N, C-alpha and C. Protein backbone atom coordinates (compact mmCIF):
# COMPACT_ATOMS: atom_id res chain seq x y z
N MET A 1 33.85 8.56 -1.77
CA MET A 1 33.22 7.24 -1.62
C MET A 1 31.90 7.38 -0.85
N ASP A 2 30.85 6.76 -1.35
CA ASP A 2 29.54 6.84 -0.72
C ASP A 2 29.58 6.13 0.64
N GLN A 3 28.98 6.77 1.65
CA GLN A 3 29.00 6.22 3.00
C GLN A 3 27.60 6.29 3.62
N PRO A 4 27.30 5.40 4.56
CA PRO A 4 26.01 5.46 5.25
C PRO A 4 25.90 6.74 6.08
N LYS A 5 24.66 7.14 6.32
CA LYS A 5 24.40 8.27 7.20
C LYS A 5 23.53 7.87 8.39
N TYR A 6 23.24 6.57 8.47
CA TYR A 6 22.48 6.03 9.61
C TYR A 6 22.86 4.57 9.74
N TYR A 7 23.17 4.14 10.97
CA TYR A 7 23.59 2.77 11.22
C TYR A 7 22.64 2.08 12.20
N LEU A 8 22.12 0.93 11.82
CA LEU A 8 21.29 0.13 12.70
C LEU A 8 21.82 -1.30 12.74
N PHE A 9 21.92 -1.82 13.93
CA PHE A 9 22.44 -3.17 14.14
C PHE A 9 21.38 -4.07 14.77
N ASP A 10 21.22 -5.27 14.23
CA ASP A 10 20.50 -6.31 14.93
C ASP A 10 21.35 -6.67 16.14
N MET A 11 20.79 -7.41 17.10
CA MET A 11 21.57 -7.76 18.29
C MET A 11 21.95 -9.23 18.31
N ASP A 12 20.96 -10.13 18.42
CA ASP A 12 21.25 -11.54 18.61
C ASP A 12 21.94 -12.16 17.39
N HIS A 13 23.07 -12.80 17.65
CA HIS A 13 23.89 -13.44 16.62
C HIS A 13 24.46 -12.44 15.61
N THR A 14 24.36 -11.16 15.93
CA THR A 14 25.00 -10.12 15.12
C THR A 14 26.04 -9.40 15.98
N LEU A 15 25.60 -8.84 17.08
CA LEU A 15 26.54 -8.23 18.03
C LEU A 15 27.04 -9.25 19.05
N ILE A 16 26.23 -10.25 19.31
CA ILE A 16 26.55 -11.26 20.33
C ILE A 16 26.33 -12.67 19.77
N GLN A 17 27.11 -13.61 20.29
CA GLN A 17 26.96 -15.01 19.87
C GLN A 17 25.96 -15.69 20.80
N ALA A 18 24.73 -15.21 20.76
CA ALA A 18 23.66 -15.73 21.61
C ALA A 18 22.35 -15.15 21.14
N ASP A 19 21.26 -15.75 21.59
CA ASP A 19 19.92 -15.21 21.36
C ASP A 19 19.31 -14.93 22.73
N CYS A 20 19.06 -13.66 23.02
CA CYS A 20 18.61 -13.28 24.36
C CYS A 20 17.23 -13.80 24.72
N ASP A 21 16.37 -14.02 23.73
CA ASP A 21 15.07 -14.60 24.03
C ASP A 21 15.23 -16.01 24.57
N VAL A 22 16.23 -16.74 24.08
CA VAL A 22 16.50 -18.09 24.55
C VAL A 22 17.25 -18.07 25.88
N THR A 23 18.33 -17.29 25.94
CA THR A 23 19.13 -17.26 27.17
C THR A 23 18.34 -16.69 28.34
N TRP A 24 17.37 -15.81 28.04
CA TRP A 24 16.53 -15.29 29.13
C TRP A 24 15.80 -16.43 29.83
N LYS A 25 15.30 -17.40 29.07
CA LYS A 25 14.58 -18.51 29.67
C LYS A 25 15.52 -19.40 30.50
N TYR A 26 16.75 -19.56 30.04
CA TYR A 26 17.72 -20.31 30.84
C TYR A 26 18.01 -19.57 32.14
N PHE A 27 18.12 -18.26 32.04
CA PHE A 27 18.30 -17.43 33.22
C PHE A 27 17.10 -17.56 34.16
N ALA A 28 15.90 -17.51 33.59
CA ALA A 28 14.68 -17.58 34.39
C ALA A 28 14.57 -18.92 35.11
N VAL A 29 14.95 -20.00 34.43
CA VAL A 29 14.92 -21.31 35.06
C VAL A 29 15.97 -21.39 36.16
N LYS A 30 17.16 -20.89 35.89
CA LYS A 30 18.24 -20.90 36.88
C LYS A 30 17.83 -20.19 38.16
N HIS A 31 17.13 -19.07 38.00
CA HIS A 31 16.73 -18.27 39.17
C HIS A 31 15.30 -18.57 39.64
N LYS A 32 14.77 -19.71 39.15
CA LYS A 32 13.45 -20.20 39.59
C LYS A 32 12.32 -19.21 39.31
N LEU A 33 12.47 -18.49 38.20
CA LEU A 33 11.39 -17.62 37.73
C LEU A 33 10.50 -18.34 36.73
N ALA A 34 10.98 -19.47 36.22
CA ALA A 34 10.24 -20.26 35.23
C ALA A 34 10.55 -21.73 35.45
N PRO A 35 9.64 -22.64 35.04
CA PRO A 35 9.88 -24.08 35.19
C PRO A 35 10.86 -24.60 34.14
N GLU A 36 11.40 -25.78 34.39
CA GLU A 36 12.35 -26.40 33.46
C GLU A 36 11.74 -26.58 32.07
N SER A 37 10.44 -26.81 32.01
CA SER A 37 9.78 -27.04 30.72
C SER A 37 9.88 -25.84 29.79
N ALA A 38 10.18 -24.67 30.33
CA ALA A 38 10.30 -23.47 29.50
C ALA A 38 11.46 -23.56 28.52
N LEU A 39 12.47 -24.37 28.84
CA LEU A 39 13.65 -24.45 27.98
C LEU A 39 13.32 -25.08 26.63
N ALA A 40 12.56 -26.17 26.67
CA ALA A 40 12.18 -26.81 25.41
C ALA A 40 11.28 -25.89 24.59
N GLU A 41 10.39 -25.18 25.26
CA GLU A 41 9.53 -24.23 24.56
C GLU A 41 10.34 -23.13 23.91
N ALA A 42 11.34 -22.63 24.64
CA ALA A 42 12.19 -21.56 24.11
C ALA A 42 12.92 -22.02 22.85
N ASP A 43 13.44 -23.23 22.90
CA ASP A 43 14.15 -23.76 21.73
C ASP A 43 13.20 -23.92 20.53
N ARG A 44 11.98 -24.33 20.80
CA ARG A 44 11.01 -24.50 19.72
C ARG A 44 10.64 -23.16 19.08
N PHE A 45 10.41 -22.17 19.91
CA PHE A 45 10.10 -20.85 19.37
C PHE A 45 11.28 -20.29 18.57
N PHE A 46 12.50 -20.54 19.05
CA PHE A 46 13.70 -20.07 18.34
C PHE A 46 13.80 -20.72 16.97
N GLU A 47 13.51 -22.02 16.90
CA GLU A 47 13.53 -22.73 15.62
C GLU A 47 12.47 -22.16 14.67
N ASP A 48 11.29 -21.89 15.21
CA ASP A 48 10.21 -21.32 14.39
C ASP A 48 10.59 -19.93 13.88
N TYR A 49 11.23 -19.14 14.73
CA TYR A 49 11.65 -17.80 14.33
C TYR A 49 12.66 -17.88 13.18
N ASN A 50 13.63 -18.76 13.31
CA ASN A 50 14.64 -18.91 12.27
C ASN A 50 14.04 -19.44 10.97
N ALA A 51 12.97 -20.21 11.09
CA ALA A 51 12.32 -20.76 9.90
C ALA A 51 11.32 -19.77 9.29
N GLY A 52 11.11 -18.64 10.00
CA GLY A 52 10.19 -17.63 9.49
C GLY A 52 8.73 -18.00 9.66
N CYS A 53 8.42 -18.87 10.64
CA CYS A 53 7.02 -19.29 10.84
C CYS A 53 6.60 -19.13 12.30
N LEU A 54 7.09 -18.11 12.96
CA LEU A 54 6.80 -17.89 14.38
C LEU A 54 5.34 -17.49 14.59
N ASP A 55 4.68 -18.15 15.54
CA ASP A 55 3.35 -17.74 15.99
C ASP A 55 3.57 -16.61 16.98
N VAL A 56 3.45 -15.39 16.53
CA VAL A 56 3.84 -14.23 17.32
C VAL A 56 3.04 -14.10 18.61
N GLU A 57 1.73 -14.28 18.54
CA GLU A 57 0.90 -14.13 19.73
C GLU A 57 1.25 -15.17 20.79
N ALA A 58 1.47 -16.40 20.37
CA ALA A 58 1.86 -17.45 21.32
C ALA A 58 3.23 -17.15 21.91
N PHE A 59 4.11 -16.61 21.08
CA PHE A 59 5.44 -16.26 21.55
C PHE A 59 5.38 -15.15 22.59
N TYR A 60 4.56 -14.11 22.35
CA TYR A 60 4.41 -13.03 23.33
C TYR A 60 4.03 -13.59 24.69
N GLU A 61 2.98 -14.42 24.69
CA GLU A 61 2.46 -14.94 25.94
C GLU A 61 3.52 -15.72 26.70
N PHE A 62 4.31 -16.49 25.95
CA PHE A 62 5.37 -17.29 26.56
C PHE A 62 6.56 -16.44 27.00
N GLN A 63 7.05 -15.60 26.10
CA GLN A 63 8.31 -14.91 26.34
C GLN A 63 8.24 -13.87 27.45
N PHE A 64 7.09 -13.22 27.60
CA PHE A 64 6.99 -12.12 28.56
C PHE A 64 6.29 -12.53 29.84
N ARG A 65 6.16 -13.83 30.05
CA ARG A 65 5.47 -14.35 31.23
C ARG A 65 6.15 -13.89 32.52
N GLU A 66 7.46 -13.91 32.55
CA GLU A 66 8.19 -13.51 33.76
C GLU A 66 8.19 -12.00 33.98
N PHE A 67 7.88 -11.24 32.93
CA PHE A 67 7.87 -9.79 33.04
C PHE A 67 6.58 -9.28 33.69
N ALA A 68 5.49 -9.97 33.42
CA ALA A 68 4.18 -9.49 33.84
C ALA A 68 4.10 -9.30 35.35
N GLY A 69 3.72 -8.09 35.76
CA GLY A 69 3.55 -7.78 37.17
C GLY A 69 4.78 -7.23 37.86
N LYS A 70 5.93 -7.34 37.21
CA LYS A 70 7.16 -6.83 37.82
C LYS A 70 7.34 -5.35 37.50
N THR A 71 7.99 -4.64 38.41
CA THR A 71 8.22 -3.22 38.20
C THR A 71 9.34 -3.01 37.18
N VAL A 72 9.39 -1.81 36.65
CA VAL A 72 10.46 -1.44 35.71
C VAL A 72 11.81 -1.63 36.38
N GLU A 73 11.91 -1.25 37.64
CA GLU A 73 13.18 -1.35 38.36
C GLU A 73 13.59 -2.81 38.59
N GLU A 74 12.62 -3.64 38.93
CA GLU A 74 12.91 -5.07 39.14
C GLU A 74 13.43 -5.71 37.85
N MET A 75 12.79 -5.39 36.73
CA MET A 75 13.20 -6.00 35.48
C MET A 75 14.53 -5.45 34.98
N ALA A 76 14.81 -4.20 35.28
CA ALA A 76 16.11 -3.63 34.90
C ALA A 76 17.23 -4.37 35.61
N GLU A 77 17.04 -4.69 36.87
CA GLU A 77 18.06 -5.41 37.63
C GLU A 77 18.20 -6.85 37.14
N LEU A 78 17.07 -7.51 36.87
CA LEU A 78 17.14 -8.87 36.35
C LEU A 78 17.80 -8.90 34.97
N SER A 79 17.51 -7.91 34.15
CA SER A 79 18.13 -7.83 32.82
C SER A 79 19.63 -7.63 32.93
N ARG A 80 20.04 -6.79 33.86
CA ARG A 80 21.48 -6.56 34.07
C ARG A 80 22.17 -7.86 34.49
N LEU A 81 21.53 -8.58 35.40
CA LEU A 81 22.10 -9.83 35.87
C LEU A 81 22.15 -10.87 34.75
N HIS A 82 21.11 -10.91 33.94
CA HIS A 82 21.08 -11.81 32.78
C HIS A 82 22.25 -11.51 31.84
N PHE A 83 22.51 -10.24 31.60
CA PHE A 83 23.63 -9.84 30.74
C PHE A 83 24.96 -10.33 31.33
N GLU A 84 25.15 -10.11 32.61
CA GLU A 84 26.42 -10.50 33.24
C GLU A 84 26.62 -12.01 33.23
N GLU A 85 25.55 -12.76 33.45
CA GLU A 85 25.67 -14.21 33.57
C GLU A 85 25.67 -14.96 32.24
N PHE A 86 24.94 -14.43 31.24
CA PHE A 86 24.72 -15.20 30.02
C PHE A 86 25.22 -14.54 28.73
N ILE A 87 25.43 -13.23 28.73
CA ILE A 87 25.68 -12.54 27.47
C ILE A 87 27.08 -11.92 27.35
N LYS A 88 27.57 -11.33 28.40
CA LYS A 88 28.79 -10.52 28.32
C LYS A 88 29.96 -11.25 27.68
N GLU A 89 30.12 -12.50 28.01
CA GLU A 89 31.26 -13.26 27.49
C GLU A 89 31.08 -13.68 26.03
N HIS A 90 29.91 -13.43 25.47
CA HIS A 90 29.62 -13.84 24.10
C HIS A 90 29.55 -12.67 23.12
N ILE A 91 30.08 -11.53 23.50
CA ILE A 91 30.09 -10.36 22.62
C ILE A 91 31.20 -10.52 21.58
N TYR A 92 30.86 -10.27 20.32
CA TYR A 92 31.85 -10.37 19.26
C TYR A 92 32.79 -9.16 19.29
N ALA A 93 34.09 -9.44 19.30
CA ALA A 93 35.07 -8.35 19.27
C ALA A 93 34.95 -7.56 17.97
N ASP A 94 34.67 -8.25 16.86
CA ASP A 94 34.50 -7.56 15.57
C ASP A 94 33.29 -6.64 15.60
N ALA A 95 32.28 -7.02 16.37
CA ALA A 95 31.10 -6.16 16.50
C ALA A 95 31.45 -4.88 17.25
N VAL A 96 32.26 -5.02 18.28
CA VAL A 96 32.71 -3.84 19.03
C VAL A 96 33.44 -2.87 18.10
N ALA A 97 34.32 -3.41 17.26
CA ALA A 97 35.08 -2.57 16.33
C ALA A 97 34.15 -1.90 15.33
N ALA A 98 33.17 -2.63 14.83
CA ALA A 98 32.23 -2.08 13.83
C ALA A 98 31.38 -0.98 14.43
N VAL A 99 30.89 -1.20 15.64
CA VAL A 99 30.07 -0.18 16.30
C VAL A 99 30.90 1.06 16.61
N ASN A 100 32.12 0.85 17.08
CA ASN A 100 32.99 1.99 17.37
C ASN A 100 33.25 2.81 16.11
N SER A 101 33.44 2.13 14.99
CA SER A 101 33.66 2.82 13.72
C SER A 101 32.42 3.61 13.32
N ALA A 102 31.26 3.00 13.49
CA ALA A 102 30.01 3.68 13.15
C ALA A 102 29.80 4.91 14.03
N ARG A 103 30.07 4.77 15.31
CA ARG A 103 29.90 5.90 16.24
C ARG A 103 30.88 7.02 15.90
N ALA A 104 32.08 6.65 15.45
CA ALA A 104 33.08 7.65 15.10
C ALA A 104 32.70 8.46 13.87
N SER A 105 31.76 7.93 13.08
CA SER A 105 31.33 8.63 11.87
C SER A 105 30.54 9.89 12.19
N GLY A 106 29.99 9.93 13.39
CA GLY A 106 29.18 11.08 13.78
C GLY A 106 27.72 10.96 13.37
N HIS A 107 27.37 9.88 12.68
CA HIS A 107 26.00 9.67 12.26
C HIS A 107 25.24 8.84 13.31
N PRO A 108 23.90 8.84 13.27
CA PRO A 108 23.13 8.09 14.26
C PRO A 108 23.44 6.60 14.23
N VAL A 109 23.50 6.01 15.42
CA VAL A 109 23.76 4.58 15.57
C VAL A 109 22.75 4.01 16.57
N GLY A 110 22.12 2.91 16.20
CA GLY A 110 21.15 2.30 17.10
C GLY A 110 21.10 0.79 16.95
N ILE A 111 20.41 0.15 17.88
CA ILE A 111 20.11 -1.27 17.79
C ILE A 111 18.64 -1.41 17.43
N LEU A 112 18.36 -2.17 16.38
CA LEU A 112 16.99 -2.46 15.96
C LEU A 112 16.82 -3.97 16.02
N SER A 113 16.16 -4.45 17.08
CA SER A 113 16.11 -5.89 17.36
C SER A 113 14.69 -6.34 17.65
N SER A 114 14.42 -7.60 17.34
CA SER A 114 13.12 -8.17 17.72
C SER A 114 13.06 -8.47 19.21
N THR A 115 14.21 -8.62 19.84
CA THR A 115 14.25 -8.84 21.29
C THR A 115 13.77 -7.59 22.01
N ASN A 116 13.03 -7.79 23.10
CA ASN A 116 12.48 -6.63 23.80
C ASN A 116 13.57 -5.71 24.35
N GLY A 117 13.23 -4.44 24.41
CA GLY A 117 14.20 -3.42 24.79
C GLY A 117 14.76 -3.57 26.19
N VAL A 118 14.04 -4.24 27.07
CA VAL A 118 14.55 -4.44 28.44
C VAL A 118 15.81 -5.29 28.41
N LEU A 119 15.79 -6.36 27.60
CA LEU A 119 16.97 -7.22 27.50
C LEU A 119 18.05 -6.61 26.62
N VAL A 120 17.66 -5.75 25.70
CA VAL A 120 18.64 -5.10 24.83
C VAL A 120 19.47 -4.06 25.58
N LYS A 121 18.86 -3.41 26.57
CA LYS A 121 19.48 -2.25 27.23
C LYS A 121 20.89 -2.50 27.74
N PRO A 122 21.17 -3.58 28.50
CA PRO A 122 22.55 -3.78 28.98
C PRO A 122 23.54 -3.99 27.84
N VAL A 123 23.10 -4.63 26.76
CA VAL A 123 23.98 -4.84 25.60
C VAL A 123 24.28 -3.49 24.95
N ALA A 124 23.25 -2.68 24.77
CA ALA A 124 23.44 -1.34 24.20
C ALA A 124 24.38 -0.51 25.06
N ASP A 125 24.22 -0.60 26.38
CA ASP A 125 25.09 0.16 27.29
C ASP A 125 26.54 -0.27 27.12
N PHE A 126 26.76 -1.58 26.99
CA PHE A 126 28.13 -2.09 26.81
C PHE A 126 28.76 -1.49 25.56
N PHE A 127 27.98 -1.40 24.49
CA PHE A 127 28.50 -0.90 23.22
C PHE A 127 28.50 0.63 23.14
N GLY A 128 27.95 1.29 24.14
CA GLY A 128 27.89 2.74 24.11
C GLY A 128 26.83 3.26 23.16
N ILE A 129 25.80 2.45 22.93
CA ILE A 129 24.70 2.83 22.03
C ILE A 129 23.51 3.29 22.88
N SER A 130 23.06 4.49 22.63
CA SER A 130 21.97 5.04 23.46
C SER A 130 20.59 4.89 22.83
N HIS A 131 20.54 4.47 21.56
CA HIS A 131 19.26 4.36 20.87
C HIS A 131 18.87 2.90 20.66
N ILE A 132 17.75 2.50 21.25
CA ILE A 132 17.24 1.13 21.17
C ILE A 132 15.87 1.15 20.51
N TYR A 133 15.71 0.36 19.45
CA TYR A 133 14.44 0.32 18.73
C TYR A 133 14.03 -1.14 18.52
N GLY A 134 12.74 -1.34 18.37
CA GLY A 134 12.24 -2.69 18.11
C GLY A 134 11.03 -3.00 18.93
N THR A 135 11.13 -4.04 19.76
CA THR A 135 9.99 -4.51 20.52
C THR A 135 9.93 -3.83 21.88
N THR A 136 8.89 -3.04 22.11
CA THR A 136 8.73 -2.28 23.35
C THR A 136 7.64 -2.92 24.20
N LEU A 137 7.95 -3.14 25.47
CA LEU A 137 6.99 -3.76 26.37
C LEU A 137 6.09 -2.71 27.02
N GLU A 138 4.83 -3.08 27.16
CA GLU A 138 3.83 -2.18 27.74
C GLU A 138 4.02 -2.08 29.26
N VAL A 139 3.88 -0.86 29.77
CA VAL A 139 3.96 -0.61 31.21
C VAL A 139 2.69 0.09 31.65
N ALA A 140 2.12 -0.38 32.75
CA ALA A 140 0.93 0.26 33.33
C ALA A 140 1.13 0.34 34.84
N GLY A 141 1.03 1.55 35.39
CA GLY A 141 1.22 1.71 36.83
C GLY A 141 2.60 1.33 37.30
N GLY A 142 3.61 1.51 36.43
CA GLY A 142 4.98 1.20 36.81
C GLY A 142 5.35 -0.26 36.72
N ARG A 143 4.42 -1.11 36.20
CA ARG A 143 4.69 -2.54 36.09
C ARG A 143 4.44 -3.02 34.66
N TYR A 144 5.21 -4.00 34.26
CA TYR A 144 5.04 -4.57 32.93
C TYR A 144 3.77 -5.42 32.89
N THR A 145 3.05 -5.31 31.79
CA THR A 145 1.79 -6.05 31.64
C THR A 145 1.98 -7.43 31.02
N GLY A 146 3.14 -7.66 30.39
CA GLY A 146 3.36 -8.90 29.66
C GLY A 146 2.94 -8.80 28.21
N ARG A 147 2.59 -7.59 27.77
CA ARG A 147 2.22 -7.35 26.37
C ARG A 147 3.18 -6.33 25.76
N ILE A 148 3.15 -6.23 24.44
CA ILE A 148 3.98 -5.23 23.78
C ILE A 148 3.13 -4.04 23.39
N THR A 149 3.79 -2.94 23.10
CA THR A 149 3.11 -1.77 22.59
C THR A 149 3.80 -1.35 21.30
N GLY A 150 3.02 -0.96 20.31
CA GLY A 150 3.61 -0.58 19.03
C GLY A 150 3.89 -1.77 18.14
N VAL A 151 4.83 -1.60 17.25
CA VAL A 151 5.15 -2.61 16.23
C VAL A 151 6.12 -3.65 16.77
N TYR A 152 5.86 -4.93 16.47
CA TYR A 152 6.81 -5.98 16.80
C TYR A 152 8.02 -5.82 15.90
N GLY A 153 9.20 -5.76 16.49
CA GLY A 153 10.41 -5.43 15.75
C GLY A 153 11.05 -6.59 15.01
N ALA A 154 10.27 -7.27 14.19
CA ALA A 154 10.80 -8.38 13.39
C ALA A 154 10.21 -8.32 11.99
N GLY A 155 10.89 -8.94 11.02
CA GLY A 155 10.40 -8.98 9.66
C GLY A 155 10.12 -7.59 9.11
N ASN A 156 8.95 -7.41 8.51
CA ASN A 156 8.58 -6.10 7.96
C ASN A 156 8.41 -5.04 9.03
N GLY A 157 8.23 -5.48 10.28
CA GLY A 157 8.15 -4.53 11.38
C GLY A 157 9.41 -3.68 11.50
N LYS A 158 10.56 -4.29 11.21
CA LYS A 158 11.80 -3.52 11.25
C LYS A 158 11.83 -2.44 10.18
N VAL A 159 11.28 -2.75 9.02
CA VAL A 159 11.23 -1.76 7.95
C VAL A 159 10.33 -0.59 8.36
N GLU A 160 9.19 -0.91 8.97
CA GLU A 160 8.26 0.13 9.41
C GLU A 160 8.90 1.03 10.47
N ILE A 161 9.59 0.42 11.42
CA ILE A 161 10.25 1.20 12.47
C ILE A 161 11.36 2.06 11.88
N ALA A 162 12.18 1.46 11.02
CA ALA A 162 13.28 2.20 10.40
C ALA A 162 12.78 3.35 9.56
N ALA A 163 11.65 3.16 8.88
CA ALA A 163 11.09 4.23 8.04
C ALA A 163 10.79 5.46 8.87
N GLY A 164 10.23 5.25 10.06
CA GLY A 164 9.92 6.37 10.94
C GLY A 164 11.18 7.07 11.42
N LEU A 165 12.19 6.28 11.77
CA LEU A 165 13.45 6.86 12.25
C LEU A 165 14.12 7.68 11.16
N LEU A 166 14.18 7.12 9.97
CA LEU A 166 14.85 7.78 8.86
C LEU A 166 14.11 9.05 8.44
N LYS A 167 12.79 8.99 8.44
CA LYS A 167 12.01 10.17 8.08
C LYS A 167 12.28 11.30 9.06
N ALA A 168 12.30 10.97 10.36
CA ALA A 168 12.56 11.98 11.39
C ALA A 168 13.95 12.59 11.25
N ALA A 169 14.91 11.78 10.78
CA ALA A 169 16.29 12.25 10.64
C ALA A 169 16.56 12.87 9.28
N GLY A 170 15.59 12.75 8.36
CA GLY A 170 15.80 13.28 7.02
C GLY A 170 16.82 12.50 6.22
N VAL A 171 16.86 11.18 6.47
CA VAL A 171 17.83 10.30 5.80
C VAL A 171 17.06 9.27 4.97
N PRO A 172 17.39 9.09 3.70
CA PRO A 172 16.71 8.08 2.87
C PRO A 172 17.22 6.68 3.18
N PHE A 173 16.42 5.67 2.84
CA PHE A 173 16.84 4.28 3.04
C PHE A 173 18.16 3.98 2.34
N GLU A 174 18.41 4.69 1.25
CA GLU A 174 19.64 4.45 0.49
C GLU A 174 20.90 4.76 1.30
N LYS A 175 20.73 5.51 2.38
CA LYS A 175 21.87 5.87 3.23
C LYS A 175 21.89 5.10 4.54
N LEU A 176 21.01 4.09 4.64
CA LEU A 176 20.97 3.27 5.86
C LEU A 176 21.87 2.05 5.73
N ALA A 177 22.67 1.80 6.76
CA ALA A 177 23.43 0.55 6.87
C ALA A 177 22.74 -0.31 7.91
N TYR A 178 22.35 -1.52 7.51
CA TYR A 178 21.75 -2.44 8.48
C TYR A 178 22.58 -3.72 8.53
N TYR A 179 22.83 -4.18 9.75
CA TYR A 179 23.62 -5.38 9.98
C TYR A 179 22.71 -6.43 10.63
N GLY A 180 22.52 -7.58 9.96
CA GLY A 180 21.65 -8.60 10.51
C GLY A 180 22.07 -10.00 10.11
N ASP A 181 21.58 -11.00 10.85
CA ASP A 181 22.02 -12.39 10.65
C ASP A 181 20.94 -13.32 10.16
N SER A 182 19.67 -12.96 10.36
CA SER A 182 18.56 -13.89 10.17
C SER A 182 17.84 -13.68 8.85
N ILE A 183 17.21 -14.74 8.36
CA ILE A 183 16.38 -14.61 7.16
C ILE A 183 15.23 -13.65 7.42
N ASN A 184 14.85 -13.47 8.68
CA ASN A 184 13.81 -12.50 9.04
C ASN A 184 14.26 -11.06 8.80
N ASP A 185 15.58 -10.87 8.65
CA ASP A 185 16.12 -9.53 8.38
C ASP A 185 16.14 -9.21 6.88
N ARG A 186 15.64 -10.12 6.06
CA ARG A 186 15.75 -9.92 4.61
C ARG A 186 15.01 -8.66 4.15
N TYR A 187 13.93 -8.30 4.81
CA TYR A 187 13.15 -7.13 4.39
C TYR A 187 13.92 -5.84 4.64
N ILE A 188 14.47 -5.70 5.85
CA ILE A 188 15.21 -4.48 6.19
C ILE A 188 16.53 -4.42 5.42
N LEU A 189 17.15 -5.57 5.19
CA LEU A 189 18.38 -5.59 4.40
C LEU A 189 18.10 -5.17 2.96
N ALA A 190 16.99 -5.67 2.40
CA ALA A 190 16.63 -5.32 1.03
C ALA A 190 16.30 -3.84 0.89
N ALA A 191 15.78 -3.25 1.95
CA ALA A 191 15.40 -1.83 1.91
C ALA A 191 16.59 -0.91 2.12
N SER A 192 17.67 -1.44 2.69
CA SER A 192 18.84 -0.62 3.05
C SER A 192 19.78 -0.42 1.87
N GLY A 193 20.37 0.75 1.84
CA GLY A 193 21.37 1.01 0.82
C GLY A 193 22.69 0.32 1.09
N PHE A 194 22.91 -0.03 2.37
CA PHE A 194 24.15 -0.69 2.78
C PHE A 194 23.82 -1.93 3.61
N PRO A 195 23.30 -2.98 2.96
CA PRO A 195 22.96 -4.21 3.69
C PRO A 195 24.22 -4.99 4.05
N ARG A 196 24.23 -5.54 5.26
CA ARG A 196 25.36 -6.34 5.71
C ARG A 196 24.85 -7.60 6.39
N ALA A 197 25.12 -8.76 5.80
CA ALA A 197 24.72 -10.04 6.39
C ALA A 197 25.85 -10.51 7.30
N VAL A 198 25.57 -10.51 8.59
CA VAL A 198 26.60 -10.84 9.59
C VAL A 198 26.39 -12.25 10.12
N ASN A 199 27.41 -13.10 10.02
CA ASN A 199 27.29 -14.50 10.46
C ASN A 199 25.92 -15.06 10.06
N PRO A 200 25.59 -14.98 8.79
CA PRO A 200 24.21 -15.27 8.37
C PRO A 200 23.81 -16.74 8.51
N SER A 201 22.52 -16.92 8.76
CA SER A 201 21.95 -18.27 8.71
C SER A 201 22.10 -18.78 7.27
N ASP A 202 21.94 -20.08 7.08
CA ASP A 202 22.12 -20.65 5.74
C ASP A 202 21.21 -19.99 4.72
N SER A 203 19.94 -19.78 5.10
CA SER A 203 19.00 -19.18 4.16
C SER A 203 19.36 -17.74 3.83
N LEU A 204 19.81 -16.99 4.82
CA LEU A 204 20.21 -15.61 4.55
C LEU A 204 21.51 -15.58 3.75
N ARG A 205 22.40 -16.51 4.02
CA ARG A 205 23.66 -16.56 3.26
C ARG A 205 23.38 -16.76 1.77
N HIS A 206 22.48 -17.66 1.45
CA HIS A 206 22.14 -17.91 0.05
C HIS A 206 21.52 -16.66 -0.59
N LEU A 207 20.63 -16.01 0.14
CA LEU A 207 19.98 -14.80 -0.38
C LEU A 207 21.00 -13.68 -0.57
N ALA A 208 21.89 -13.53 0.41
CA ALA A 208 22.92 -12.48 0.31
C ALA A 208 23.83 -12.72 -0.89
N ALA A 209 24.19 -13.98 -1.13
CA ALA A 209 25.03 -14.31 -2.28
C ALA A 209 24.31 -13.99 -3.59
N GLU A 210 23.02 -14.29 -3.65
CA GLU A 210 22.22 -14.02 -4.85
C GLU A 210 22.15 -12.52 -5.14
N ARG A 211 22.01 -11.74 -4.08
CA ARG A 211 21.78 -10.30 -4.25
C ARG A 211 23.06 -9.46 -4.16
N GLY A 212 24.17 -10.13 -3.89
CA GLY A 212 25.43 -9.41 -3.85
C GLY A 212 25.63 -8.59 -2.58
N TRP A 213 24.94 -8.98 -1.51
CA TRP A 213 25.13 -8.28 -0.24
C TRP A 213 26.43 -8.75 0.41
N PRO A 214 27.20 -7.85 0.99
CA PRO A 214 28.41 -8.27 1.71
C PRO A 214 28.09 -9.22 2.85
N ILE A 215 28.91 -10.26 3.00
CA ILE A 215 28.75 -11.22 4.09
C ILE A 215 29.94 -11.05 5.03
N LEU A 216 29.64 -10.77 6.28
CA LEU A 216 30.67 -10.53 7.29
C LEU A 216 30.66 -11.67 8.30
N MET A 217 31.82 -12.21 8.58
CA MET A 217 31.93 -13.28 9.58
C MET A 217 32.64 -12.71 10.80
N TRP A 218 31.86 -12.35 11.78
CA TRP A 218 32.42 -11.71 12.98
C TRP A 218 32.73 -12.74 14.05
N LYS A 219 33.77 -12.44 14.79
CA LYS A 219 34.19 -13.31 15.92
C LYS A 219 34.38 -12.44 17.16
């Protein structure tokens, strides 16, 4: 039976029943790192992302505002606390089983997410995943600048990032398994030999049904 030789998982609403870009702002407001008005902005950006019409530059400026000027160590601790307070209880048990199965295969396993790697790290640690790909934040002099470096890990950006990973590993796209929930994942799912629509949005569910992609409902 044909099997994947590389596994990549989206994070938000795939491994966890939450969106870290949104919950981060709730965390920031709770800890007085951001004003209350940030919550409405976060919800609006989340809606735009799901609709596939996100203003990326405006989102960068908003989302990484609390990161700018902080040290790598400071943000690592805040990210850990965010995970404990907002994310840990929302991890899908089915996701844990799927990741464990992928890791047991002996093939590479990673998270490829549009969420920045700082917030992804505690989730990856929980799942025992050491490879994090997607949106990387710029660091200068040991402090975050509030900007990203490299490719934004969303939409076609995920395909570009995955292409580099697969080329380095000598694995074709036909052997890639990608698990994602959003219509923004349609490009990487279409490129993968083993596409998996996990708890898909309505638009992705319709596309998955049209294309015969497996639909997984994780809890």
